[in-house]
Amino acid sequence: ISCAASGLTFSSSAMGWFRQAPVKEREFVASIGSTGIPTRYGD
């Protein structure tokens, strides 16, 4: 899956992915620093 960003200084911005299933809380999936380092993942 992909995310296209606009209107944002993308190279200075950390990004993340979250997910939410029905009747569940929003869950952290993954994140990435502005330079591509570090990357972090939900368990």
PDB file of all heavy atoms in Angstrom:
ATOM      1  N   ILE A   1       0.840  -1.186   0.000  1.00  0.00           N
ATOM      2  CA  ILE A   1       0.000   0.000   0.000  1.00  0.00           C
ATOM      3  C   ILE A   1       0.880   1.243   0.000  1.00  0.00           C
ATOM      4  O   ILE A   1       2.009   1.230   0.494  1.00  0.00           O
ATOM      5  CB  ILE A   1      -1.000   0.012   1.170  1.00  0.00           C
ATOM      6  CG1 ILE A   1      -0.288  -0.100   2.522  1.00  0.00           C
ATOM      7  CG2 ILE A   1      -1.995  -1.128   1.015  1.00  0.00           C
ATOM      8  CD1 ILE A   1      -1.240  -0.010   3.706  1.00  0.00           C
ATOM      9  N   SER A   2       0.345   2.312  -0.561  1.00  0.00           N
ATOM     10  CA  SER A   2       1.113   3.522  -0.789  1.00  0.00           C
ATOM     11  C   SER A   2       0.400   4.726  -0.209  1.00  0.00           C
ATOM     12  O   SER A   2      -0.819   4.731  -0.034  1.00  0.00           O
ATOM     13  CB  SER A   2       1.322   3.754  -2.290  1.00  0.00           C
ATOM     14  OG  SER A   2       1.959   2.660  -2.897  1.00  0.00           O
ATOM     15  N   CYS A   3       1.172   5.757   0.064  1.00  0.00           N
ATOM     16  CA  CYS A   3       0.648   7.028   0.538  1.00  0.00           C
ATOM     17  C   CYS A   3       1.347   8.142  -0.220  1.00  0.00           C
ATOM     18  O   CYS A   3       2.580   8.250  -0.164  1.00  0.00           O
ATOM     19  CB  CYS A   3       0.876   7.168   2.042  1.00  0.00           C
ATOM     20  SG  CYS A   3       0.416   8.769   2.732  1.00  0.00           S
ATOM     21  N   ALA A   4       0.571   8.959  -0.911  1.00  0.00           N
ATOM     22  CA  ALA A   4       1.089  10.109  -1.629  1.00  0.00           C
ATOM     23  C   ALA A   4       0.843  11.363  -0.805  1.00  0.00           C
ATOM     24  O   ALA A   4      -0.293  11.639  -0.425  1.00  0.00           O
ATOM     25  CB  ALA A   4       0.419  10.229  -2.992  1.00  0.00           C
ATOM     26  N   ALA A   5       1.897  12.106  -0.539  1.00  0.00           N
ATOM     27  CA  ALA A   5       1.815  13.295   0.296  1.00  0.00           C
ATOM     28  C   ALA A   5       1.947  14.552  -0.544  1.00  0.00           C
ATOM     29  O   ALA A   5       2.745  14.618  -1.480  1.00  0.00           O
ATOM     30  CB  ALA A   5       2.905  13.271   1.364  1.00  0.00           C
ATOM     31  N   SER A   6       1.163  15.560  -0.189  1.00  0.00           N
ATOM     32  CA  SER A   6       1.271  16.869  -0.816  1.00  0.00           C
ATOM     33  C   SER A   6       0.981  17.951   0.219  1.00  0.00           C
ATOM     34  O   SER A   6       0.310  17.700   1.222  1.00  0.00           O
ATOM     35  CB  SER A   6       0.321  17.001  -2.011  1.00  0.00           C
ATOM     36  OG  SER A   6      -1.029  16.885  -1.594  1.00  0.00           O
ATOM     37  N   GLY A   7       1.474  19.155  -0.037  1.00  0.00           N
ATOM     38  CA  GLY A   7       1.267  20.257   0.888  1.00  0.00           C
ATOM     39  C   GLY A   7       2.051  20.116   2.179  1.00  0.00           C
ATOM     40  O   GLY A   7       1.724  20.775   3.176  1.00  0.00           O
ATOM     41  N   LEU A   8       3.067  19.299   2.164  1.00  0.00           N
ATOM     42  CA  LEU A   8       3.863  18.983   3.342  1.00  0.00           C
ATOM     43  C   LEU A   8       5.335  18.987   2.946  1.00  0.00           C
ATOM     44  O   LEU A   8       5.671  18.523   1.856  1.00  0.00           O
ATOM     45  CB  LEU A   8       3.454  17.618   3.886  1.00  0.00           C
ATOM     46  CG  LEU A   8       4.153  17.049   5.114  1.00  0.00           C
ATOM     47  CD1 LEU A   8       3.764  17.838   6.353  1.00  0.00           C
ATOM     48  CD2 LEU A   8       3.793  15.581   5.277  1.00  0.00           C
ATOM     49  N   THR A   9       6.176  19.528   3.822  1.00  0.00           N
ATOM     50  CA  THR A   9       7.609  19.411   3.587  1.00  0.00           C
ATOM     51  C   THR A   9       8.003  17.982   3.922  1.00  0.00           C
ATOM     52  O   THR A   9       8.445  17.665   5.026  1.00  0.00           O
ATOM     53  CB  THR A   9       8.390  20.425   4.427  1.00  0.00           C
ATOM     54  OG1 THR A   9       7.886  21.739   4.184  1.00  0.00           O
ATOM     55  CG2 THR A   9       9.870  20.390   4.051  1.00  0.00           C
ATOM     56  N   PHE A  10       7.838  17.132   2.939  1.00  0.00           N
ATOM     57  CA  PHE A  10       7.875  15.700   3.174  1.00  0.00           C
ATOM     58  C   PHE A  10       9.219  15.244   3.728  1.00  0.00           C
ATOM     59  O   PHE A  10       9.280  14.409   4.634  1.00  0.00           O
ATOM     60  CB  PHE A  10       7.548  14.963   1.871  1.00  0.00           C
ATOM     61  CG  PHE A  10       7.432  13.483   2.018  1.00  0.00           C
ATOM     62  CD1 PHE A  10       6.292  12.916   2.548  1.00  0.00           C
ATOM     63  CD2 PHE A  10       8.465  12.652   1.616  1.00  0.00           C
ATOM     64  CE1 PHE A  10       6.180  11.547   2.681  1.00  0.00           C
ATOM     65  CE2 PHE A  10       8.359  11.277   1.737  1.00  0.00           C
ATOM     66  CZ  PHE A  10       7.210  10.727   2.274  1.00  0.00           C
ATOM     67  N   SER A  11      10.302  15.790   3.184  1.00  0.00           N
ATOM     68  CA  SER A  11      11.630  15.340   3.590  1.00  0.00           C
ATOM     69  C   SER A  11      11.978  15.718   5.023  1.00  0.00           C
ATOM     70  O   SER A  11      12.968  15.215   5.556  1.00  0.00           O
ATOM     71  CB  SER A  11      12.694  15.887   2.638  1.00  0.00           C
ATOM     72  OG  SER A  11      12.718  17.304   2.660  1.00  0.00           O
ATOM     73  N   SER A  12      11.193  16.590   5.635  1.00  0.00           N
ATOM     74  CA  SER A  12      11.398  16.974   7.030  1.00  0.00           C
ATOM     75  C   SER A  12      10.369  16.347   7.964  1.00  0.00           C
ATOM     76  O   SER A  12      10.342  16.678   9.152  1.00  0.00           O
ATOM     77  CB  SER A  12      11.342  18.494   7.180  1.00  0.00           C
ATOM     78  OG  SER A  12      12.356  19.120   6.420  1.00  0.00           O
ATOM     79  N   SER A  13       9.544  15.466   7.439  1.00  0.00           N
ATOM     80  CA  SER A  13       8.426  14.928   8.190  1.00  0.00           C
ATOM     81  C   SER A  13       8.569  13.432   8.415  1.00  0.00           C
ATOM     82  O   SER A  13       8.826  12.679   7.479  1.00  0.00           O
ATOM     83  CB  SER A  13       7.111  15.199   7.451  1.00  0.00           C
ATOM     84  OG  SER A  13       6.911  16.579   7.242  1.00  0.00           O
ATOM     85  N   ALA A  14       8.390  13.036   9.663  1.00  0.00           N
ATOM     86  CA  ALA A  14       8.267  11.615   9.951  1.00  0.00           C
ATOM     87  C   ALA A  14       6.894  11.124   9.497  1.00  0.00           C
ATOM     88  O   ALA A  14       5.918  11.879   9.507  1.00  0.00           O
ATOM     89  CB  ALA A  14       8.456  11.354  11.438  1.00  0.00           C
ATOM     90  N   MET A  15       6.828   9.871   9.110  1.00  0.00           N
ATOM     91  CA  MET A  15       5.593   9.296   8.607  1.00  0.00           C
ATOM     92  C   MET A  15       5.288   8.009   9.350  1.00  0.00           C
ATOM     93  O   MET A  15       6.181   7.348   9.880  1.00  0.00           O
ATOM     94  CB  MET A  15       5.689   9.017   7.111  1.00  0.00           C
ATOM     95  CG  MET A  15       6.041  10.226   6.259  1.00  0.00           C
ATOM     96  SD  MET A  15       4.774  11.521   6.287  1.00  0.00           S
ATOM     97  CE  MET A  15       3.412  10.678   5.476  1.00  0.00           C
ATOM     98  N   GLY A  16       4.017   7.656   9.354  1.00  0.00           N
ATOM     99  CA  GLY A  16       3.615   6.437  10.025  1.00  0.00           C
ATOM    100  C   GLY A  16       2.422   5.791   9.360  1.00  0.00           C
ATOM    101  O   GLY A  16       1.717   6.409   8.553  1.00  0.00           O
ATOM    102  N   TRP A  17       2.231   4.541   9.698  1.00  0.00           N
ATOM    103  CA  TRP A  17       1.042   3.791   9.317  1.00  0.00           C
ATOM    104  C   TRP A  17       0.346   3.309  10.578  1.00  0.00           C
ATOM    105  O   TRP A  17       0.988   2.767  11.486  1.00  0.00           O
ATOM    106  CB  TRP A  17       1.385   2.584   8.441  1.00  0.00           C
ATOM    107  CG  TRP A  17       1.809   2.911   7.047  1.00  0.00           C
ATOM    108  CD1 TRP A  17       3.073   3.010   6.569  1.00  0.00           C
ATOM    109  CD2 TRP A  17       0.935   3.149   5.936  1.00  0.00           C
ATOM    110  NE1 TRP A  17       3.062   3.301   5.236  1.00  0.00           N
ATOM    111  CE2 TRP A  17       1.755   3.393   4.815  1.00  0.00           C
ATOM    112  CE3 TRP A  17      -0.450   3.186   5.774  1.00  0.00           C
ATOM    113  CZ2 TRP A  17       1.239   3.665   3.547  1.00  0.00           C
ATOM    114  CZ3 TRP A  17      -0.964   3.456   4.514  1.00  0.00           C
ATOM    115  CH2 TRP A  17      -0.119   3.691   3.424  1.00  0.00           C
ATOM    116  N   PHE A  18      -0.958   3.497  10.616  1.00  0.00           N
ATOM    117  CA  PHE A  18      -1.814   2.984  11.673  1.00  0.00           C
ATOM    118  C   PHE A  18      -2.950   2.212  11.031  1.00  0.00           C
ATOM    119  O   PHE A  18      -3.240   2.381   9.846  1.00  0.00           O
ATOM    120  CB  PHE A  18      -2.366   4.122  12.534  1.00  0.00           C
ATOM    121  CG  PHE A  18      -1.315   4.841  13.333  1.00  0.00           C
ATOM    122  CD1 PHE A  18      -0.489   5.783  12.737  1.00  0.00           C
ATOM    123  CD2 PHE A  18      -1.154   4.572  14.687  1.00  0.00           C
ATOM    124  CE1 PHE A  18       0.485   6.445  13.472  1.00  0.00           C
ATOM    125  CE2 PHE A  18      -0.185   5.235  15.428  1.00  0.00           C
ATOM    126  CZ  PHE A  18       0.633   6.166  14.822  1.00  0.00           C
ATOM    127  N   ARG A  19      -3.593   1.371  11.803  1.00  0.00           N
ATOM    128  CA  ARG A  19      -4.736   0.643  11.282  1.00  0.00           C
ATOM    129  C   ARG A  19      -5.833   0.563  12.328  1.00  0.00           C
ATOM    130  O   ARG A  19      -5.579   0.663  13.532  1.00  0.00           O
ATOM    131  CB  ARG A  19      -4.339  -0.763  10.823  1.00  0.00           C
ATOM    132  CG  ARG A  19      -3.914  -1.699  11.943  1.00  0.00           C
ATOM    133  CD  ARG A  19      -3.388  -3.005  11.369  1.00  0.00           C
ATOM    134  NE  ARG A  19      -3.050  -3.965  12.410  1.00  0.00           N
ATOM    135  CZ  ARG A  19      -2.476  -5.135  12.192  1.00  0.00           C
ATOM    136  NH1 ARG A  19      -2.171  -5.506  10.946  1.00  0.00           N
ATOM    137  NH2 ARG A  19      -2.208  -5.944  13.209  1.00  0.00           N
ATOM    138  N   GLN A  20      -7.040   0.384  11.836  1.00  0.00           N
ATOM    139  CA  GLN A  20      -8.181   0.258  12.723  1.00  0.00           C
ATOM    140  C   GLN A  20      -9.163  -0.743  12.142  1.00  0.00           C
ATOM    141  O   GLN A  20      -9.655  -0.567  11.027  1.00  0.00           O
ATOM    142  CB  GLN A  20      -8.870   1.604  12.942  1.00  0.00           C
ATOM    143  CG  GLN A  20      -9.938   1.564  14.019  1.00  0.00           C
ATOM    144  CD  GLN A  20     -10.327   2.942  14.500  1.00  0.00           C
ATOM    145  OE1 GLN A  20     -10.026   3.952  13.874  1.00  0.00           O
ATOM    146  NE2 GLN A  20     -10.997   3.001  15.646  1.00  0.00           N
ATOM    147  N   ALA A  21      -9.415  -1.787  12.902  1.00  0.00           N
ATOM    148  CA  ALA A  21     -10.404  -2.785  12.542  1.00  0.00           C
ATOM    149  C   ALA A  21     -11.729  -2.427  13.194  1.00  0.00           C
ATOM    150  O   ALA A  21     -11.766  -1.674  14.173  1.00  0.00           O
ATOM    151  CB  ALA A  21      -9.942  -4.170  12.994  1.00  0.00           C
ATOM    152  N   PRO A  22     -12.837  -2.963  12.669  1.00  0.00           N
ATOM    153  CA  PRO A  22     -14.131  -2.668  13.279  1.00  0.00           C
ATOM    154  C   PRO A  22     -14.160  -3.013  14.764  1.00  0.00           C
ATOM    155  O   PRO A  22     -13.677  -4.067  15.178  1.00  0.00           O
ATOM    156  CB  PRO A  22     -15.095  -3.550  12.488  1.00  0.00           C
ATOM    157  CG  PRO A  22     -14.438  -3.721  11.156  1.00  0.00           C
ATOM    158  CD  PRO A  22     -12.971  -3.797  11.463  1.00  0.00           C
ATOM    159  N   VAL A  23     -14.696  -2.122  15.538  1.00  0.00           N
ATOM    160  CA  VAL A  23     -14.883  -2.294  16.978  1.00  0.00           C
ATOM    161  C   VAL A  23     -13.540  -2.485  17.697  1.00  0.00           C
ATOM    162  O   VAL A  23     -13.463  -3.134  18.740  1.00  0.00           O
ATOM    163  CB  VAL A  23     -15.854  -3.458  17.294  1.00  0.00           C
ATOM    164  CG1 VAL A  23     -16.416  -3.305  18.707  1.00  0.00           C
ATOM    165  CG2 VAL A  23     -16.987  -3.524  16.289  1.00  0.00           C
ATOM    166  N   LYS A  24     -12.480  -1.932  17.134  1.00  0.00           N
ATOM    167  CA  LYS A  24     -11.180  -1.991  17.774  1.00  0.00           C
ATOM    168  C   LYS A  24     -10.552  -0.604  17.806  1.00  0.00           C
ATOM    169  O   LYS A  24     -10.924   0.284  17.041  1.00  0.00           O
ATOM    170  CB  LYS A  24     -10.253  -2.958  17.044  1.00  0.00           C
ATOM    171  CG  LYS A  24     -10.630  -4.421  17.184  1.00  0.00           C
ATOM    172  CD  LYS A  24      -9.581  -5.321  16.559  1.00  0.00           C
ATOM    173  CE  LYS A  24      -9.923  -6.776  16.738  1.00  0.00           C
ATOM    174  NZ  LYS A  24      -8.886  -7.659  16.137  1.00  0.00           N
ATOM    175  N   GLU A  25      -9.596  -0.450  18.698  1.00  0.00           N
ATOM    176  CA  GLU A  25      -8.878   0.806  18.799  1.00  0.00           C
ATOM    177  C   GLU A  25      -7.872   0.933  17.660  1.00  0.00           C
ATOM    178  O   GLU A  25      -7.420  -0.062  17.088  1.00  0.00           O
ATOM    179  CB  GLU A  25      -8.151   0.896  20.143  1.00  0.00           C
ATOM    180  CG  GLU A  25      -9.053   0.853  21.362  1.00  0.00           C
ATOM    181  CD  GLU A  25      -9.925   2.077  21.469  1.00  0.00           C
ATOM    182  OE1 GLU A  25      -9.453   3.186  21.120  1.00  0.00           O
ATOM    183  OE2 GLU A  25     -11.080   1.940  21.898  1.00  0.00           O
ATOM    184  N   ARG A  26      -7.533   2.159  17.352  1.00  0.00           N
ATOM    185  CA  ARG A  26      -6.502   2.404  16.363  1.00  0.00           C
ATOM    186  C   ARG A  26      -5.165   1.856  16.856  1.00  0.00           C
ATOM    187  O   ARG A  26      -4.785   2.055  18.013  1.00  0.00           O
ATOM    188  CB  ARG A  26      -6.396   3.901  16.072  1.00  0.00           C
ATOM    189  CG  ARG A  26      -5.402   4.247  14.972  1.00  0.00           C
ATOM    190  CD  ARG A  26      -5.673   5.623  14.408  1.00  0.00           C
ATOM    191  NE  ARG A  26      -5.848   6.612  15.451  1.00  0.00           N
ATOM    192  CZ  ARG A  26      -6.282   7.846  15.249  1.00  0.00           C
ATOM    193  NH1 ARG A  26      -6.587   8.251  14.020  1.00  0.00           N
ATOM    194  NH2 ARG A  26      -6.422   8.689  16.261  1.00  0.00           N
ATOM    195  N   GLU A  27      -4.455   1.177  15.992  1.00  0.00           N
ATOM    196  CA  GLU A  27      -3.249   0.459  16.351  1.00  0.00           C
ATOM    197  C   GLU A  27      -2.057   0.960  15.545  1.00  0.00           C
ATOM    198  O   GLU A  27      -2.142   1.129  14.329  1.00  0.00           O
ATOM    199  CB  GLU A  27      -3.443  -1.041  16.108  1.00  0.00           C
ATOM    200  CG  GLU A  27      -2.231  -1.904  16.406  1.00  0.00           C
ATOM    201  CD  GLU A  27      -2.429  -3.350  15.991  1.00  0.00           C
ATOM    202  OE1 GLU A  27      -3.361  -3.632  15.213  1.00  0.00           O
ATOM    203  OE2 GLU A  27      -1.655  -4.207  16.466  1.00  0.00           O
ATOM    204  N   PHE A  28      -0.944   1.160  16.220  1.00  0.00           N
ATOM    205  CA  PHE A  28       0.295   1.523  15.547  1.00  0.00           C
ATOM    206  C   PHE A  28       0.804   0.352  14.729  1.00  0.00           C
ATOM    207  O   PHE A  28       0.856  -0.780  15.209  1.00  0.00           O
ATOM    208  CB  PHE A  28       1.348   1.936  16.575  1.00  0.00           C
ATOM    209  CG  PHE A  28       2.728   2.075  15.999  1.00  0.00           C
ATOM    210  CD1 PHE A  28       3.053   3.145  15.177  1.00  0.00           C
ATOM    211  CD2 PHE A  28       3.707   1.142  16.276  1.00  0.00           C
ATOM    212  CE1 PHE A  28       4.315   3.280  14.640  1.00  0.00           C
ATOM    213  CE2 PHE A  28       4.980   1.252  15.751  1.00  0.00           C
ATOM    214  CZ  PHE A  28       5.280   2.335  14.929  1.00  0.00           C
ATOM    215  N   VAL A  29       1.197   0.624  13.500  1.00  0.00           N
ATOM    216  CA  VAL A  29       1.722  -0.404  12.611  1.00  0.00           C
ATOM    217  C   VAL A  29       3.210  -0.199  12.348  1.00  0.00           C
ATOM    218  O   VAL A  29       4.023  -1.101  12.562  1.00  0.00           O
ATOM    219  CB  VAL A  29       0.955  -0.435  11.277  1.00  0.00           C
ATOM    220  CG1 VAL A  29       1.583  -1.431  10.315  1.00  0.00           C
ATOM    221  CG2 VAL A  29      -0.509  -0.775  11.515  1.00  0.00           C
ATOM    222  N   ALA A  30       3.571   0.984  11.871  1.00  0.00           N
ATOM    223  CA  ALA A  30       4.959   1.242  11.498  1.00  0.00           C
ATOM    224  C   ALA A  30       5.202   2.738  11.412  1.00  0.00           C
ATOM    225  O   ALA A  30       4.275   3.520  11.183  1.00  0.00           O
ATOM    226  CB  ALA A  30       5.298   0.584  10.160  1.00  0.00           C
ATOM    227  N   SER A  31       6.445   3.143  11.583  1.00  0.00           N
ATOM    228  CA  SER A  31       6.813   4.535  11.410  1.00  0.00           C
ATOM    229  C   SER A  31       8.213   4.615  10.830  1.00  0.00           C
ATOM    230  O   SER A  31       8.996   3.661  10.909  1.00  0.00           O
ATOM    231  CB  SER A  31       6.726   5.317  12.725  1.00  0.00           C
ATOM    232  OG  SER A  31       7.655   4.826  13.672  1.00  0.00           O
ATOM    233  N   ILE A  32       8.518   5.779  10.261  1.00  0.00           N
ATOM    234  CA  ILE A  32       9.802   5.982   9.620  1.00  0.00           C
ATOM    235  C   ILE A  32      10.216   7.435   9.791  1.00  0.00           C
ATOM    236  O   ILE A  32       9.408   8.352   9.655  1.00  0.00           O
ATOM    237  CB  ILE A  32       9.734   5.570   8.128  1.00  0.00           C
ATOM    238  CG1 ILE A  32      11.110   5.592   7.472  1.00  0.00           C
ATOM    239  CG2 ILE A  32       8.735   6.444   7.367  1.00  0.00           C
ATOM    240  CD1 ILE A  32      11.125   4.876   6.118  1.00  0.00           C
ATOM    241  N   GLY A  33      11.491   7.643  10.120  1.00  0.00           N
ATOM    242  CA  GLY A  33      12.010   8.983  10.285  1.00  0.00           C
ATOM    243  C   GLY A  33      12.110   9.719   8.970  1.00  0.00           C
ATOM    244  O   GLY A  33      12.002   9.139   7.889  1.00  0.00           O
ATOM    245  N   SER A  34      12.330  11.017   9.052  1.00  0.00           N
ATOM    246  CA  SER A  34      12.323  11.854   7.855  1.00  0.00           C
ATOM    247  C   SER A  34      13.376  11.450   6.834  1.00  0.00           C
ATOM    248  O   SER A  34      13.167  11.635   5.624  1.00  0.00           O
ATOM    249  CB  SER A  34      12.493  13.327   8.234  1.00  0.00           C
ATOM    250  OG  SER A  34      13.722  13.544   8.912  1.00  0.00           O
ATOM    251  N   THR A  35      14.489  10.926   7.294  1.00  0.00           N
ATOM    252  CA  THR A  35      15.561  10.507   6.393  1.00  0.00           C
ATOM    253  C   THR A  35      15.464   9.035   6.002  1.00  0.00           C
ATOM    254  O   THR A  35      16.284   8.561   5.217  1.00  0.00           O
ATOM    255  CB  THR A  35      16.934  10.749   7.025  1.00  0.00           C
ATOM    256  OG1 THR A  35      17.099   9.905   8.166  1.00  0.00           O
ATOM    257  CG2 THR A  35      17.082  12.202   7.449  1.00  0.00           C
ATOM    258  N   GLY A  36      14.475   8.335   6.533  1.00  0.00           N
ATOM    259  CA  GLY A  36      14.359   6.902   6.317  1.00  0.00           C
ATOM    260  C   GLY A  36      14.888   6.070   7.463  1.00  0.00           C
ATOM    261  O   GLY A  36      14.744   4.845   7.451  1.00  0.00           O
ATOM    262  N   ILE A  37      15.483   6.710   8.426  1.00  0.00           N
ATOM    263  CA  ILE A  37      16.011   6.073   9.629  1.00  0.00           C
ATOM    264  C   ILE A  37      15.546   6.865  10.839  1.00  0.00           C
ATOM    265  O   ILE A  37      15.593   8.098  10.814  1.00  0.00           O
ATOM    266  CB  ILE A  37      17.555   6.020   9.592  1.00  0.00           C
ATOM    267  CG1 ILE A  37      18.042   5.195   8.402  1.00  0.00           C
ATOM    268  CG2 ILE A  37      18.109   5.447  10.897  1.00  0.00           C
ATOM    269  CD1 ILE A  37      19.533   5.266   8.205  1.00  0.00           C
ATOM    270  N   PRO A  38      15.081   6.218  11.897  1.00  0.00           N
ATOM    271  CA  PRO A  38      14.885   4.776  12.051  1.00  0.00           C
ATOM    272  C   PRO A  38      13.541   4.319  11.499  1.00  0.00           C
ATOM    273  O   PRO A  38      12.708   5.136  11.110  1.00  0.00           O
ATOM    274  CB  PRO A  38      14.931   4.585  13.565  1.00  0.00           C
ATOM    275  CG  PRO A  38      14.270   5.831  14.073  1.00  0.00           C
ATOM    276  CD  PRO A  38      14.737   6.938  13.144  1.00  0.00           C
ATOM    277  N   THR A  39      13.349   3.021  11.474  1.00  0.00           N
ATOM    278  CA  THR A  39      12.036   2.440  11.241  1.00  0.00           C
ATOM    279  C   THR A  39      11.619   1.683  12.490  1.00  0.00           C
ATOM    280  O   THR A  39      12.453   1.079  13.173  1.00  0.00           O
ATOM    281  CB  THR A  39      12.028   1.494  10.035  1.00  0.00           C
ATOM    282  OG1 THR A  39      13.010   0.464  10.212  1.00  0.00           O
ATOM    283  CG2 THR A  39      12.345   2.258   8.759  1.00  0.00           C
ATOM    284  N   ARG A  40      10.332   1.721  12.786  1.00  0.00           N
ATOM    285  CA  ARG A  40       9.796   1.060  13.960  1.00  0.00           C
ATOM    286  C   ARG A  40       8.512   0.344  13.583  1.00  0.00           C
ATOM    287  O   ARG A  40       7.804   0.781  12.678  1.00  0.00           O
ATOM    288  CB  ARG A  40       9.542   2.080  15.082  1.00  0.00           C
ATOM    289  CG  ARG A  40      10.791   2.844  15.494  1.00  0.00           C
ATOM    290  CD  ARG A  40      10.474   4.035  16.362  1.00  0.00           C
ATOM    291  NE  ARG A  40      10.060   3.659  17.697  1.00  0.00           N
ATOM    292  CZ  ARG A  40       9.783   4.520  18.671  1.00  0.00           C
ATOM    293  NH1 ARG A  40       9.887   5.819  18.432  1.00  0.00           N
ATOM    294  NH2 ARG A  40       9.415   4.089  19.863  1.00  0.00           N
ATOM    295  N   TYR A  41       8.234  -0.747  14.293  1.00  0.00           N
ATOM    296  CA  TYR A  41       7.088  -1.575  13.963  1.00  0.00           C
ATOM    297  C   TYR A  41       6.338  -2.002  15.206  1.00  0.00           C
ATOM    298  O   TYR A  41       6.936  -2.210  16.267  1.00  0.00           O
ATOM    299  CB  TYR A  41       7.527  -2.835  13.203  1.00  0.00           C
ATOM    300  CG  TYR A  41       8.181  -2.522  11.886  1.00  0.00           C
ATOM    301  CD1 TYR A  41       9.562  -2.381  11.791  1.00  0.00           C
ATOM    302  CD2 TYR A  41       7.420  -2.352  10.737  1.00  0.00           C
ATOM    303  CE1 TYR A  41      10.161  -2.075  10.581  1.00  0.00           C
ATOM    304  CE2 TYR A  41       8.021  -2.044   9.524  1.00  0.00           C
ATOM    305  CZ  TYR A  41       9.383  -1.911   9.457  1.00  0.00           C
ATOM    306  OH  TYR A  41       9.983  -1.607   8.252  1.00  0.00           O
ATOM    307  N   GLY A  42       5.036  -2.114  15.058  1.00  0.00           N
ATOM    308  CA  GLY A  42       4.244  -2.696  16.113  1.00  0.00           C
ATOM    309  C   GLY A  42       4.560  -4.169  16.278  1.00  0.00           C
ATOM    310  O   GLY A  42       4.951  -4.858  15.332  1.00  0.00           O
ATOM    311  N   ASP A  43       4.379  -4.669  17.499  1.00  0.00           N
ATOM    312  CA  ASP A  43       4.744  -6.052  17.789  1.00  0.00           C
ATOM    313  C   ASP A  43       4.017  -7.052  16.892  1.00  0.00           C
ATOM    314  O   ASP A  43       4.581  -8.090  16.524  1.00  0.00           O
ATOM    315  CB  ASP A  43       4.446  -6.379  19.251  1.00  0.00           C
ATOM    316  CG  ASP A  43       5.393  -5.681  20.207  1.00  0.00           C
ATOM    317  OD1 ASP A  43       6.476  -5.241  19.776  1.00  0.00           O
ATOM    318  OD2 ASP A  43       5.051  -5.587  21.399  1.00  0.00           O
TER     319      ASP A  43
END
